[in-house]
Amino acid sequence: MNSNIIDRINETNFVEKLEQG
């Protein structure tokens, strides 16, 4: 699997956690 895709998913999850507080 392309590591760039994994990085995108991890980045999205990180941002969502920040938005949740």
C-alpha atoms as a PDB file:
ATOM      1  CA  MET A   1       0.000   0.000   0.000  1.00  0.00           C
ATOM      2  CA  ASN A   2       1.251   3.465  -0.819  1.00  0.00           C
ATOM      3  CA  SER A   3       2.702   5.066   2.299  1.00  0.00           C
ATOM      4  CA  ASN A   4       1.419   8.457   1.096  1.00  0.00           C
ATOM      5  CA  ILE A   5      -2.143   7.168   1.385  1.00  0.00           C
ATOM      6  CA  ILE A   6      -1.455   6.002   4.936  1.00  0.00           C
ATOM      7  CA  ASP A   7       0.004   9.410   5.771  1.00  0.00           C
ATOM      8  CA  ARG A   8      -3.152  11.070   4.436  1.00  0.00           C
ATOM      9  CA  ILE A   9      -5.371   8.830   6.568  1.00  0.00           C
ATOM     10  CA  ASN A  10      -3.252   9.438   9.664  1.00  0.00           C
ATOM     11  CA  GLU A  11      -3.291  13.185   9.048  1.00  0.00           C
ATOM     12  CA  THR A  12      -7.076  13.201   8.676  1.00  0.00           C
ATOM     13  CA  ASN A  13      -7.533  11.199  11.891  1.00  0.00           C
ATOM     14  CA  PHE A  14      -5.180  13.562  13.716  1.00  0.00           C
ATOM     15  CA  VAL A  15      -7.101  16.652  12.571  1.00  0.00           C
ATOM     16  CA  GLU A  16     -10.411  15.079  13.564  1.00  0.00           C
ATOM     17  CA  LYS A  17      -9.062  14.368  17.058  1.00  0.00           C
ATOM     18  CA  LEU A  18      -7.925  17.994  17.382  1.00  0.00           C
ATOM     19  CA  GLU A  19     -11.342  19.268  16.311  1.00  0.00           C
ATOM     20  CA  GLN A  20     -12.993  17.045  18.921  1.00  0.00           C
ATOM     21  CA  GLY A  21     -10.876  18.762  21.583  1.00  0.00           C
END
